Amino acid sequence: MGPASDPEHLSHALSEVIARRGLARVLGNEQLQATWKEVAGEKVFRQTRVTAIRNGVMQIAVSNAALLSELAGFEKQSLLTDLQEKHPELRIRDLKFRLKGSMRSKQD
């Protein structure tokens, strides 16, 4: 192993440690919202917002109780599976939906 390969291996190892421990966001907020939009679809995206990723759990604010019930009860597993398949680098192990009635619908 020569000196030219050492920095690459060290940076890769540090990235892995940071990702596993959840010490840094993998994506910026705009990219994270775009990732959620890709998985959830336009209709759901307009009524939700990713608020955080903590310890492998993506936390999502939902604008109304009916949608919260639908997502948590019927859509959660398929959304989680889709997210894990399309974005394994995020290491998401669960989704947590929370009602946030003051949230406005997204127009973009």
C-alpha atoms as a PDB file:
ATOM      1  CA  MET A   1       0.000   0.000   0.000  1.00  0.00           C
ATOM      2  CA  GLY A   2       1.679   3.191  -1.205  1.00  0.00           C
ATOM      3  CA  PRO A   3       1.351   6.747   0.069  1.00  0.00           C
ATOM      4  CA  ALA A   4      -0.866   7.764  -2.861  1.00  0.00           C
ATOM      5  CA  SER A   5      -3.627   5.389  -1.756  1.00  0.00           C
ATOM      6  CA  ASP A   6      -3.556   6.193   1.979  1.00  0.00           C
ATOM      7  CA  PRO A   7      -5.583   9.450   1.894  1.00  0.00           C
ATOM      8  CA  GLU A   8      -8.325   7.836  -0.147  1.00  0.00           C
ATOM      9  CA  HIS A   9      -8.664   4.939   2.272  1.00  0.00           C
ATOM     10  CA  LEU A  10      -8.624   7.235   5.293  1.00  0.00           C
ATOM     11  CA  SER A  11     -11.289   9.535   3.845  1.00  0.00           C
ATOM     12  CA  HIS A  12     -13.453   6.541   2.965  1.00  0.00           C
ATOM     13  CA  ALA A  13     -13.078   5.122   6.479  1.00  0.00           C
ATOM     14  CA  LEU A  14     -13.955   8.463   8.071  1.00  0.00           C
ATOM     15  CA  SER A  15     -16.989   8.870   5.811  1.00  0.00           C
ATOM     16  CA  GLU A  16     -18.216   5.433   6.854  1.00  0.00           C
ATOM     17  CA  VAL A  17     -17.794   6.213  10.567  1.00  0.00           C
ATOM     18  CA  ILE A  18     -19.593   9.546  10.209  1.00  0.00           C
ATOM     19  CA  ALA A  19     -22.462   7.999   8.230  1.00  0.00           C
ATOM     20  CA  ARG A  20     -22.885   5.090  10.650  1.00  0.00           C
ATOM     21  CA  ARG A  21     -22.899   7.288  13.710  1.00  0.00           C
ATOM     22  CA  GLY A  22     -25.223   9.870  12.168  1.00  0.00           C
ATOM     23  CA  LEU A  23     -22.788  12.677  12.933  1.00  0.00           C
ATOM     24  CA  ALA A  24     -23.366  14.517   9.678  1.00  0.00           C
ATOM     25  CA  ARG A  25     -26.111  14.900   7.133  1.00  0.00           C
ATOM     26  CA  VAL A  26     -25.455  12.929   4.001  1.00  0.00           C
ATOM     27  CA  LEU A  27     -27.398  15.394   1.895  1.00  0.00           C
ATOM     28  CA  GLY A  28     -28.201  19.081   2.186  1.00  0.00           C
ATOM     29  CA  ASN A  29     -31.796  20.058   2.923  1.00  0.00           C
ATOM     30  CA  GLU A  30     -32.719  20.758  -0.715  1.00  0.00           C
ATOM     31  CA  GLN A  31     -31.307  17.423  -1.835  1.00  0.00           C
ATOM     32  CA  LEU A  32     -33.037  15.649   1.040  1.00  0.00           C
ATOM     33  CA  GLN A  33     -36.402  17.168   0.084  1.00  0.00           C
ATOM     34  CA  ALA A  34     -35.791  16.202  -3.567  1.00  0.00           C
ATOM     35  CA  THR A  35     -35.019  12.637  -2.484  1.00  0.00           C
ATOM     36  CA  TRP A  36     -38.272  12.485  -0.496  1.00  0.00           C
ATOM     37  CA  LYS A  37     -40.205  13.929  -3.469  1.00  0.00           C
ATOM     38  CA  GLU A  38     -38.742  11.222  -5.727  1.00  0.00           C
ATOM     39  CA  VAL A  39     -39.882   8.474  -3.353  1.00  0.00           C
ATOM     40  CA  ALA A  40     -43.190   9.906  -2.114  1.00  0.00           C
ATOM     41  CA  GLY A  41     -44.457  11.426  -5.345  1.00  0.00           C
ATOM     42  CA  GLU A  42     -45.687  14.934  -6.060  1.00  0.00           C
ATOM     43  CA  LYS A  43     -49.065  14.672  -4.292  1.00  0.00           C
ATOM     44  CA  VAL A  44     -47.638  13.431  -0.974  1.00  0.00           C
ATOM     45  CA  PHE A  45     -44.586  15.690  -1.225  1.00  0.00           C
ATOM     46  CA  ARG A  46     -46.765  18.807  -1.417  1.00  0.00           C
ATOM     47  CA  GLN A  47     -48.308  17.919   1.961  1.00  0.00           C
ATOM     48  CA  THR A  48     -45.183  16.713   3.767  1.00  0.00           C
ATOM     49  CA  ARG A  49     -41.649  17.789   4.611  1.00  0.00           C
ATOM     50  CA  VAL A  50     -38.606  15.889   5.871  1.00  0.00           C
ATOM     51  CA  THR A  51     -37.587  17.524   9.130  1.00  0.00           C
ATOM     52  CA  ALA A  52     -34.618  15.378  10.148  1.00  0.00           C
ATOM     53  CA  ILE A  53     -32.775  12.106   9.957  1.00  0.00           C
ATOM     54  CA  ARG A  54     -31.772  10.860  13.397  1.00  0.00           C
ATOM     55  CA  ASN A  55     -30.199   7.487  14.089  1.00  0.00           C
ATOM     56  CA  GLY A  56     -31.405   6.130  10.766  1.00  0.00           C
ATOM     57  CA  VAL A  57     -34.988   7.353  11.227  1.00  0.00           C
ATOM     58  CA  MET A  58     -36.307   9.831   8.673  1.00  0.00           C
ATOM     59  CA  GLN A  59     -38.757  12.161  10.400  1.00  0.00           C
ATOM     60  CA  ILE A  60     -41.497  13.592   8.213  1.00  0.00           C
ATOM     61  CA  ALA A  61     -43.962  16.367   9.055  1.00  0.00           C
ATOM     62  CA  VAL A  62     -47.447  15.811   7.609  1.00  0.00           C
ATOM     63  CA  SER A  63     -49.968  18.598   7.049  1.00  0.00           C
ATOM     64  CA  ASN A  64     -53.194  16.743   7.971  1.00  0.00           C
ATOM     65  CA  ALA A  65     -54.441  13.821  10.052  1.00  0.00           C
ATOM     66  CA  ALA A  66     -56.010  11.912   7.144  1.00  0.00           C
ATOM     67  CA  LEU A  67     -52.730  11.808   5.234  1.00  0.00           C
ATOM     68  CA  LEU A  68     -50.816  10.951   8.413  1.00  0.00           C
ATOM     69  CA  SER A  69     -53.101   7.961   8.953  1.00  0.00           C
ATOM     70  CA  GLU A  70     -52.720   6.811   5.341  1.00  0.00           C
ATOM     71  CA  LEU A  71     -48.930   7.146   5.344  1.00  0.00           C
ATOM     72  CA  ALA A  72     -48.359   5.518   8.724  1.00  0.00           C
ATOM     73  CA  GLY A  73     -50.926   2.773   8.238  1.00  0.00           C
ATOM     74  CA  PHE A  74     -50.744   1.836   4.578  1.00  0.00           C
ATOM     75  CA  GLU A  75     -47.816   3.446   2.767  1.00  0.00           C
ATOM     76  CA  LYS A  76     -44.968   3.361   5.280  1.00  0.00           C
ATOM     77  CA  GLN A  77     -43.409   0.020   4.335  1.00  0.00           C
ATOM     78  CA  SER A  78     -43.480   0.600   0.573  1.00  0.00           C
ATOM     79  CA  LEU A  79     -42.048   4.118   0.991  1.00  0.00           C
ATOM     80  CA  LEU A  80     -39.317   2.788   3.282  1.00  0.00           C
ATOM     81  CA  THR A  81     -38.426  -0.044   0.908  1.00  0.00           C
ATOM     82  CA  ASP A  82     -38.322   2.326  -2.065  1.00  0.00           C
ATOM     83  CA  LEU A  83     -36.139   4.787  -0.146  1.00  0.00           C
ATOM     84  CA  GLN A  84     -33.741   2.039   0.950  1.00  0.00           C
ATOM     85  CA  GLU A  85     -33.450   0.675  -2.591  1.00  0.00           C
ATOM     86  CA  LYS A  86     -32.989   4.032  -4.326  1.00  0.00           C
ATOM     87  CA  HIS A  87     -30.813   5.675  -1.667  1.00  0.00           C
ATOM     88  CA  PRO A  88     -28.928   3.042   0.378  1.00  0.00           C
ATOM     89  CA  GLU A  89     -26.293   5.668   1.237  1.00  0.00           C
ATOM     90  CA  LEU A  90     -28.792   7.311   3.605  1.00  0.00           C
ATOM     91  CA  ARG A  91     -29.029   4.138   5.707  1.00  0.00           C
ATOM     92  CA  ILE A  92     -32.661   4.795   6.596  1.00  0.00           C
ATOM     93  CA  ARG A  93     -34.092   2.046   8.782  1.00  0.00           C
ATOM     94  CA  ASP A  94     -37.466   3.578   9.633  1.00  0.00           C
ATOM     95  CA  LEU A  95     -39.867   6.419   8.836  1.00  0.00           C
ATOM     96  CA  LYS A  96     -41.617   8.464  11.512  1.00  0.00           C
ATOM     97  CA  PHE A  97     -44.592  10.628  10.530  1.00  0.00           C
ATOM     98  CA  ARG A  98     -45.762  13.522  12.719  1.00  0.00           C
ATOM     99  CA  LEU A  99     -48.722  15.832  12.363  1.00  0.00           C
ATOM    100  CA  LYS A 100     -47.722  19.431  11.809  1.00  0.00           C
ATOM    101  CA  GLY A 101     -50.960  21.249  11.039  1.00  0.00           C
ATOM    102  CA  SER A 102     -49.324  24.649  10.693  1.00  0.00           C
ATOM    103  CA  MET A 103     -47.323  23.446   7.716  1.00  0.00           C
ATOM    104  CA  ARG A 104     -48.398  24.973   4.411  1.00  0.00           C
ATOM    105  CA  SER A 105     -48.733  22.887   1.277  1.00  0.00           C
ATOM    106  CA  LYS A 106     -45.750  23.114  -1.031  1.00  0.00           C
ATOM    107  CA  GLN A 107     -46.407  24.857  -4.310  1.00  0.00           C
ATOM    108  CA  ASP A 108     -43.208  23.849  -6.140  1.00  0.00           C
END
